């Protein structure tokens, strides 16, 4: 299991489907946090992904990565323990 996924270039619906599967896998494996590389672009991909993540009860937070590591182009997802 890799703790990151790259959805750049995907349509929003494809990206959300990929993220759903990725989050399900992450929860089964029991990792504490994962990263989603969606790029900056128009922000549409990031918004759709974050909208999905807000509905997942096991997600404690979904925030931009540190500016030195990609900032707004990467979402760091932390899970409840």
PDB file of N, CA and C in Angstrom:
ATOM      1  N   UNK A   1       0.840  -1.194   0.000  1.00  0.00           N
ATOM      2  CA  UNK A   1       0.000   0.000   0.000  1.00  0.00           C
ATOM      3  C   UNK A   1       0.871   1.239   0.000  1.00  0.00           C
ATOM      4  N   UNK A   2       0.620   2.156  -0.949  1.00  0.00           N
ATOM      5  CA  UNK A   2       1.327   3.436  -0.978  1.00  0.00           C
ATOM      6  C   UNK A   2       0.466   4.453  -0.235  1.00  0.00           C
ATOM      7  N   UNK A   3       1.088   5.341   0.504  1.00  0.00           N
ATOM      8  CA  UNK A   3       0.343   6.317   1.305  1.00  0.00           C
ATOM      9  C   UNK A   3       0.044   7.613   0.541  1.00  0.00           C
ATOM     10  N   UNK A   4       0.110   7.534  -0.796  1.00  0.00           N
ATOM     11  CA  UNK A   4      -0.197   8.717  -1.608  1.00  0.00           C
ATOM     12  C   UNK A   4      -0.837   8.289  -2.930  1.00  0.00           C
ATOM     13  N   UNK A   5      -1.585   9.225  -3.506  1.00  0.00           N
ATOM     14  CA  UNK A   5      -2.229   8.973  -4.797  1.00  0.00           C
ATOM     15  C   UNK A   5      -2.112  10.254  -5.625  1.00  0.00           C
ATOM     16  N   UNK A   6      -1.936  10.090  -6.921  1.00  0.00           N
ATOM     17  CA  UNK A   6      -1.822  11.219  -7.852  1.00  0.00           C
ATOM     18  C   UNK A   6      -3.039  11.198  -8.779  1.00  0.00           C
ATOM     19  N   UNK A   7      -3.898  12.203  -8.671  1.00  0.00           N
ATOM     20  CA  UNK A   7      -5.108  12.247  -9.504  1.00  0.00           C
ATOM     21  C   UNK A   7      -5.067  13.411 -10.504  1.00  0.00           C
ATOM     22  N   UNK A   8      -3.888  13.999 -10.688  1.00  0.00           N
ATOM     23  CA  UNK A   8      -3.771  15.105 -11.646  1.00  0.00           C
ATOM     24  C   UNK A   8      -4.171  14.635 -13.041  1.00  0.00           C
ATOM     25  N   UNK A   9      -4.903  15.474 -13.748  1.00  0.00           N
ATOM     26  CA  UNK A   9      -5.300  15.159 -15.113  1.00  0.00           C
ATOM     27  C   UNK A   9      -6.579  14.367 -15.229  1.00  0.00           C
ATOM     28  N   UNK A  10      -7.103  13.874 -14.110  1.00  0.00           N
ATOM     29  CA  UNK A  10      -8.362  13.127 -14.151  1.00  0.00           C
ATOM     30  C   UNK A  10      -9.548  14.088 -14.135  1.00  0.00           C
ATOM     31  N   UNK A  11     -10.674  13.620 -14.653  1.00  0.00           N
ATOM     32  CA  UNK A  11     -11.921  14.374 -14.499  1.00  0.00           C
ATOM     33  C   UNK A  11     -12.310  14.278 -13.028  1.00  0.00           C
ATOM     34  N   UNK A  12     -13.103  15.238 -12.556  1.00  0.00           N
ATOM     35  CA  UNK A  12     -13.480  15.278 -11.137  1.00  0.00           C
ATOM     36  C   UNK A  12     -14.134  13.978 -10.693  1.00  0.00           C
ATOM     37  N   UNK A  13     -15.053  13.443 -11.492  1.00  0.00           N
ATOM     38  CA  UNK A  13     -15.757  12.215 -11.095  1.00  0.00           C
ATOM     39  C   UNK A  13     -14.791  11.027 -11.013  1.00  0.00           C
ATOM     40  N   UNK A  14     -13.849  10.948 -11.957  1.00  0.00           N
ATOM     41  CA  UNK A  14     -12.853   9.872 -11.937  1.00  0.00           C
ATOM     42  C   UNK A  14     -11.961  10.007 -10.701  1.00  0.00           C
ATOM     43  N   UNK A  15     -11.558  11.235 -10.424  1.00  0.00           N
ATOM     44  CA  UNK A  15     -10.667  11.490  -9.294  1.00  0.00           C
ATOM     45  C   UNK A  15     -11.350  11.124  -7.983  1.00  0.00           C
ATOM     46  N   UNK A  16     -12.613  11.502  -7.822  1.00  0.00           N
ATOM     47  CA  UNK A  16     -13.341  11.191  -6.584  1.00  0.00           C
ATOM     48  C   UNK A  16     -13.489   9.674  -6.437  1.00  0.00           C
ATOM     49  N   UNK A  17     -13.784   8.971  -7.532  1.00  0.00           N
ATOM     50  CA  UNK A  17     -13.869   7.507  -7.476  1.00  0.00           C
ATOM     51  C   UNK A  17     -12.535   6.903  -7.028  1.00  0.00           C
ATOM     52  N   UNK A  18     -11.437   7.395  -7.596  1.00  0.00           N
ATOM     53  CA  UNK A  18     -10.111   6.887  -7.247  1.00  0.00           C
ATOM     54  C   UNK A  18      -9.800   7.178  -5.779  1.00  0.00           C
ATOM     55  N   UNK A  19     -10.161   8.374  -5.323  1.00  0.00           N
ATOM     56  CA  UNK A  19      -9.906   8.755  -3.929  1.00  0.00           C
ATOM     57  C   UNK A  19     -10.761   7.910  -2.976  1.00  0.00           C
ATOM     58  N   UNK A  20     -12.003   7.627  -3.358  1.00  0.00           N
ATOM     59  CA  UNK A  20     -12.865   6.778  -2.515  1.00  0.00           C
ATOM     60  C   UNK A  20     -12.215   5.409  -2.295  1.00  0.00           C
ATOM     61  N   UNK A  21     -11.743   4.793  -3.372  1.00  0.00           N
ATOM     62  CA  UNK A  21     -11.084   3.486  -3.272  1.00  0.00           C
ATOM     63  C   UNK A  21      -9.810   3.576  -2.441  1.00  0.00           C
ATOM     64  N   UNK A  22      -9.051   4.650  -2.657  1.00  0.00           N
ATOM     65  CA  UNK A  22      -7.795   4.880  -1.937  1.00  0.00           C
ATOM     66  C   UNK A  22      -8.051   5.033  -0.437  1.00  0.00           C
ATOM     67  N   UNK A  23      -9.056   5.830  -0.077  1.00  0.00           N
ATOM     68  CA  UNK A  23      -9.391   6.057   1.341  1.00  0.00           C
ATOM     69  C   UNK A  23      -9.876   4.748   1.976  1.00  0.00           C
ATOM     70  N   UNK A  24     -10.698   3.992   1.253  1.00  0.00           N
ATOM     71  CA  UNK A  24     -11.157   2.688   1.765  1.00  0.00           C
ATOM     72  C   UNK A  24      -9.966   1.775   2.059  1.00  0.00           C
ATOM     73  N   UNK A  25      -9.014   1.726   1.121  1.00  0.00           N
ATOM     74  CA  UNK A  25      -7.821   0.899   1.307  1.00  0.00           C
ATOM     75  C   UNK A  25      -7.004   1.381   2.500  1.00  0.00           C
ATOM     76  N   UNK A  26      -6.841   2.698   2.623  1.00  0.00           N
ATOM     77  CA  UNK A  26      -6.056   3.285   3.720  1.00  0.00           C
ATOM     78  C   UNK A  26      -6.678   2.926   5.065  1.00  0.00           C
ATOM     79  N   UNK A  27      -7.998   2.965   5.138  1.00  0.00           N
ATOM     80  CA  UNK A  27      -8.681   2.635   6.388  1.00  0.00           C
ATOM     81  C   UNK A  27      -8.527   1.147   6.712  1.00  0.00           C
ATOM     82  N   UNK A  28      -8.566   0.290   5.698  1.00  0.00           N
ATOM     83  CA  UNK A  28      -8.382  -1.148   5.929  1.00  0.00           C
ATOM     84  C   UNK A  28      -6.974  -1.457   6.430  1.00  0.00           C
ATOM     85  N   UNK A  29      -5.981  -0.762   5.857  1.00  0.00           N
ATOM     86  CA  UNK A  29      -4.585  -0.982   6.248  1.00  0.00           C
ATOM     87  C   UNK A  29      -4.316  -0.371   7.628  1.00  0.00           C
ATOM     88  N   UNK A  30      -5.040   0.701   7.959  1.00  0.00           N
ATOM     89  CA  UNK A  30      -4.896   1.317   9.270  1.00  0.00           C
ATOM     90  C   UNK A  30      -3.825   2.385   9.375  1.00  0.00           C
ATOM     91  N   UNK A  31      -3.492   3.039   8.269  1.00  0.00           N
ATOM     92  CA  UNK A  31      -2.493   4.114   8.324  1.00  0.00           C
ATOM     93  C   UNK A  31      -3.092   5.343   9.021  1.00  0.00           C
ATOM     94  N   UNK A  32      -2.225   6.212   9.533  1.00  0.00           N
ATOM     95  CA  UNK A  32      -2.685   7.402  10.245  1.00  0.00           C
ATOM     96  C   UNK A  32      -2.982   8.577   9.338  1.00  0.00           C
ATOM     97  N   UNK A  33      -2.272   8.635   8.201  1.00  0.00           N
ATOM     98  CA  UNK A  33      -2.438   9.766   7.286  1.00  0.00           C
ATOM     99  C   UNK A  33      -2.034   9.355   5.876  1.00  0.00           C
ATOM    100  N   UNK A  34      -2.612  10.037   4.883  1.00  0.00           N
ATOM    101  CA  UNK A  34      -2.269   9.821   3.472  1.00  0.00           C
ATOM    102  C   UNK A  34      -2.228  11.174   2.778  1.00  0.00           C
ATOM    103  N   UNK A  35      -1.633  11.198   1.587  1.00  0.00           N
ATOM    104  CA  UNK A  35      -1.607  12.434   0.805  1.00  0.00           C
ATOM    105  C   UNK A  35      -2.237  12.202  -0.561  1.00  0.00           C
ATOM    106  N   UNK A  36      -2.937  13.244  -1.031  1.00  0.00           N
ATOM    107  CA  UNK A  36      -3.592  13.220  -2.335  1.00  0.00           C
ATOM    108  C   UNK A  36      -3.008  14.353  -3.159  1.00  0.00           C
ATOM    109  N   UNK A  37      -2.355  14.002  -4.263  1.00  0.00           N
ATOM    110  CA  UNK A  37      -1.763  14.991  -5.158  1.00  0.00           C
ATOM    111  C   UNK A  37      -2.780  15.307  -6.254  1.00  0.00           C
ATOM    112  N   UNK A  38      -3.366  16.490  -6.185  1.00  0.00           N
ATOM    113  CA  UNK A  38      -4.376  16.881  -7.172  1.00  0.00           C
ATOM    114  C   UNK A  38      -3.935  18.071  -8.007  1.00  0.00           C
ATOM    115  N   UNK A  39      -2.830  18.694  -7.654  1.00  0.00           N
ATOM    116  CA  UNK A  39      -2.356  19.872  -8.364  1.00  0.00           C
ATOM    117  C   UNK A  39      -3.171  21.096  -7.987  1.00  0.00           C
ATOM    118  N   UNK A  40      -2.712  22.253  -8.445  1.00  0.00           N
ATOM    119  CA  UNK A  40      -3.404  23.499  -8.111  1.00  0.00           C
ATOM    120  C   UNK A  40      -4.468  23.823  -9.136  1.00  0.00           C
ATOM    121  N   UNK A  41      -4.093  23.960 -10.383  1.00  0.00           N
ATOM    122  CA  UNK A  41      -5.049  24.203 -11.472  1.00  0.00           C
ATOM    123  C   UNK A  41      -6.122  25.217 -11.119  1.00  0.00           C
ATOM    124  N   UNK A  42      -7.367  24.886 -11.453  1.00  0.00           N
ATOM    125  CA  UNK A  42      -8.486  25.786 -11.171  1.00  0.00           C
ATOM    126  C   UNK A  42      -9.004  25.603  -9.748  1.00  0.00           C
ATOM    127  N   UNK A  43      -8.611  24.515  -9.107  1.00  0.00           N
ATOM    128  CA  UNK A  43      -9.080  24.229  -7.755  1.00  0.00           C
ATOM    129  C   UNK A  43     -10.317  23.354  -7.724  1.00  0.00           C
ATOM    130  N   UNK A  44     -10.871  23.027  -8.896  1.00  0.00           N
ATOM    131  CA  UNK A  44     -12.102  22.231  -8.960  1.00  0.00           C
ATOM    132  C   UNK A  44     -11.880  20.822  -8.423  1.00  0.00           C
ATOM    133  N   UNK A  45     -10.755  20.210  -8.794  1.00  0.00           N
ATOM    134  CA  UNK A  45     -10.455  18.857  -8.341  1.00  0.00           C
ATOM    135  C   UNK A  45     -10.309  18.824  -6.820  1.00  0.00           C
ATOM    136  N   UNK A  46      -9.567  19.781  -6.287  1.00  0.00           N
ATOM    137  CA  UNK A  46      -9.367  19.871  -4.847  1.00  0.00           C
ATOM    138  C   UNK A  46     -10.709  20.033  -4.128  1.00  0.00           C
ATOM    139  N   UNK A  47     -11.572  20.888  -4.647  1.00  0.00           N
ATOM    140  CA  UNK A  47     -12.863  21.147  -4.008  1.00  0.00           C
ATOM    141  C   UNK A  47     -13.741  19.895  -3.999  1.00  0.00           C
ATOM    142  N   UNK A  48     -13.797  19.178  -5.121  1.00  0.00           N
ATOM    143  CA  UNK A  48     -14.619  17.965  -5.177  1.00  0.00           C
ATOM    144  C   UNK A  48     -14.080  16.899  -4.228  1.00  0.00           C
ATOM    145  N   UNK A  49     -12.770  16.756  -4.170  1.00  0.00           N
ATOM    146  CA  UNK A  49     -12.159  15.764  -3.284  1.00  0.00           C
ATOM    147  C   UNK A  49     -12.421  16.123  -1.831  1.00  0.00           C
ATOM    148  N   UNK A  50     -12.250  17.394  -1.497  1.00  0.00           N
ATOM    149  CA  UNK A  50     -12.487  17.817  -0.104  1.00  0.00           C
ATOM    150  C   UNK A  50     -13.963  17.687   0.271  1.00  0.00           C
ATOM    151  N   UNK A  51     -14.858  17.930  -0.680  1.00  0.00           N
ATOM    152  CA  UNK A  51     -16.292  17.758  -0.409  1.00  0.00           C
ATOM    153  C   UNK A  51     -16.568  16.294  -0.044  1.00  0.00           C
ATOM    154  N   UNK A  52     -15.988  15.376  -0.812  1.00  0.00           N
ATOM    155  CA  UNK A  52     -16.141  13.952  -0.499  1.00  0.00           C
ATOM    156  C   UNK A  52     -15.566  13.639   0.892  1.00  0.00           C
ATOM    157  N   UNK A  53     -14.356  14.137   1.171  1.00  0.00           N
ATOM    158  CA  UNK A  53     -13.693  13.820   2.438  1.00  0.00           C
ATOM    159  C   UNK A  53     -14.473  14.334   3.644  1.00  0.00           C
ATOM    160  N   UNK A  54     -15.175  15.459   3.491  1.00  0.00           N
ATOM    161  CA  UNK A  54     -15.980  15.996   4.597  1.00  0.00           C
ATOM    162  C   UNK A  54     -17.091  15.030   5.001  1.00  0.00           C
ATOM    163  N   UNK A  55     -17.506  14.169   4.089  1.00  0.00           N
ATOM    164  CA  UNK A  55     -18.562  13.211   4.375  1.00  0.00           C
ATOM    165  C   UNK A  55     -18.079  11.882   4.925  1.00  0.00           C
ATOM    166  N   UNK A  56     -16.770  11.725   5.080  1.00  0.00           N
ATOM    167  CA  UNK A  56     -16.210  10.469   5.586  1.00  0.00           C
ATOM    168  C   UNK A  56     -15.939  10.626   7.081  1.00  0.00           C
ATOM    169  N   UNK A  57     -16.687   9.889   7.902  1.00  0.00           N
ATOM    170  CA  UNK A  57     -16.608  10.071   9.357  1.00  0.00           C
ATOM    171  C   UNK A  57     -15.236   9.752   9.936  1.00  0.00           C
ATOM    172  N   UNK A  58     -14.482   8.863   9.301  1.00  0.00           N
ATOM    173  CA  UNK A  58     -13.165   8.477   9.823  1.00  0.00           C
ATOM    174  C   UNK A  58     -12.089   9.528   9.567  1.00  0.00           C
ATOM    175  N   UNK A  59     -12.376  10.535   8.730  1.00  0.00           N
ATOM    176  CA  UNK A  59     -11.392  11.574   8.412  1.00  0.00           C
ATOM    177  C   UNK A  59     -11.423  12.644   9.499  1.00  0.00           C
ATOM    178  N   UNK A  60     -10.282  12.820  10.168  1.00  0.00           N
ATOM    179  CA  UNK A  60     -10.168  13.838  11.217  1.00  0.00           C
ATOM    180  C   UNK A  60      -9.907  15.209  10.604  1.00  0.00           C
ATOM    181  N   UNK A  61      -9.067  15.254   9.547  1.00  0.00           N
ATOM    182  CA  UNK A  61      -8.767  16.533   8.898  1.00  0.00           C
ATOM    183  C   UNK A  61      -8.284  16.309   7.472  1.00  0.00           C
ATOM    184  N   UNK A  62      -8.496  17.328   6.641  1.00  0.00           N
ATOM    185  CA  UNK A  62      -7.995  17.341   5.256  1.00  0.00           C
ATOM    186  C   UNK A  62      -7.482  18.746   5.014  1.00  0.00           C
ATOM    187  N   UNK A  63      -6.168  18.893   4.986  1.00  0.00           N
ATOM    188  CA  UNK A  63      -5.552  20.216   4.910  1.00  0.00           C
ATOM    189  C   UNK A  63      -4.499  20.271   3.806  1.00  0.00           C
ATOM    190  N   UNK A  64      -4.142  21.503   3.404  1.00  0.00           N
ATOM    191  CA  UNK A  64      -3.061  21.678   2.437  1.00  0.00           C
ATOM    192  C   UNK A  64      -1.747  21.210   3.062  1.00  0.00           C
ATOM    193  N   UNK A  65      -0.896  20.650   2.235  1.00  0.00           N
ATOM    194  CA  UNK A  65       0.430  20.248   2.702  1.00  0.00           C
ATOM    195  C   UNK A  65       1.248  21.498   2.974  1.00  0.00           C
ATOM    196  N   UNK A  66       2.379  21.328   3.635  1.00  0.00           N
ATOM    197  CA  UNK A  66       3.288  22.443   3.910  1.00  0.00           C
ATOM    198  C   UNK A  66       3.732  23.066   2.584  1.00  0.00           C
ATOM    199  N   UNK A  67       3.907  24.362   2.550  1.00  0.00           N
ATOM    200  CA  UNK A  67       4.269  25.079   1.317  1.00  0.00           C
ATOM    201  C   UNK A  67       5.532  24.516   0.666  1.00  0.00           C
ATOM    202  N   UNK A  68       6.482  24.043   1.459  1.00  0.00           N
ATOM    203  CA  UNK A  68       7.720  23.478   0.928  1.00  0.00           C
ATOM    204  C   UNK A  68       7.503  22.148   0.222  1.00  0.00           C
ATOM    205  N   UNK A  69       6.378  21.493   0.471  1.00  0.00           N
ATOM    206  CA  UNK A  69       6.120  20.172  -0.095  1.00  0.00           C
ATOM    207  C   UNK A  69       4.958  20.157  -1.083  1.00  0.00           C
ATOM    208  N   UNK A  70       4.525  21.308  -1.568  1.00  0.00           N
ATOM    209  CA  UNK A  70       3.466  21.311  -2.569  1.00  0.00           C
ATOM    210  C   UNK A  70       2.266  22.163  -2.212  1.00  0.00           C
ATOM    211  N   UNK A  71       2.164  22.576  -0.967  1.00  0.00           N
ATOM    212  CA  UNK A  71       1.116  23.497  -0.541  1.00  0.00           C
ATOM    213  C   UNK A  71      -0.281  23.115  -0.978  1.00  0.00           C
ATOM    214  N   UNK A  72      -0.952  24.037  -1.662  1.00  0.00           N
ATOM    215  CA  UNK A  72      -2.352  23.855  -2.060  1.00  0.00           C
ATOM    216  C   UNK A  72      -2.544  22.777  -3.124  1.00  0.00           C
ATOM    217  N   UNK A  73      -1.481  22.264  -3.705  1.00  0.00           N
ATOM    218  CA  UNK A  73      -1.600  21.220  -4.718  1.00  0.00           C
ATOM    219  C   UNK A  73      -1.697  19.821  -4.134  1.00  0.00           C
ATOM    220  N   UNK A  74      -1.528  19.725  -2.811  1.00  0.00           N
ATOM    221  CA  UNK A  74      -1.560  18.431  -2.129  1.00  0.00           C
ATOM    222  C   UNK A  74      -2.446  18.528  -0.898  1.00  0.00           C
ATOM    223  N   UNK A  75      -3.329  17.568  -0.734  1.00  0.00           N
ATOM    224  CA  UNK A  75      -4.157  17.484   0.473  1.00  0.00           C
ATOM    225  C   UNK A  75      -3.635  16.380   1.363  1.00  0.00           C
ATOM    226  N   UNK A  76      -3.392  16.716   2.621  1.00  0.00           N
ATOM    227  CA  UNK A  76      -2.973  15.730   3.627  1.00  0.00           C
ATOM    228  C   UNK A  76      -4.219  15.335   4.397  1.00  0.00           C
ATOM    229  N   UNK A  77      -4.528  14.045   4.400  1.00  0.00           N
ATOM    230  CA  UNK A  77      -5.706  13.510   5.091  1.00  0.00           C
ATOM    231  C   UNK A  77      -5.246  12.761   6.326  1.00  0.00           C
ATOM    232  N   UNK A  78      -5.763  13.177   7.478  1.00  0.00           N
ATOM    233  CA  UNK A  78      -5.441  12.483   8.739  1.00  0.00           C
ATOM    234  C   UNK A  78      -6.706  11.783   9.219  1.00  0.00           C
ATOM    235  N   UNK A  79      -6.519  10.552   9.734  1.00  0.00           N
ATOM    236  CA  UNK A  79      -7.645   9.756  10.185  1.00  0.00           C
ATOM    237  C   UNK A  79      -7.781   9.785  11.697  1.00  0.00           C
ATOM    238  N   UNK A  80      -9.004   9.568  12.157  1.00  0.00           N
ATOM    239  CA  UNK A  80      -9.251   9.452  13.609  1.00  0.00           C
ATOM    240  C   UNK A  80      -8.634   8.151  14.079  1.00  0.00           C
ATOM    241  N   UNK A  81      -8.083   8.164  15.281  1.00  0.00           N
ATOM    242  CA  UNK A  81      -7.422   6.963  15.836  1.00  0.00           C
ATOM    243  C   UNK A  81      -8.381   6.147  16.669  1.00  0.00           C
TER     244      UNK A  81
END
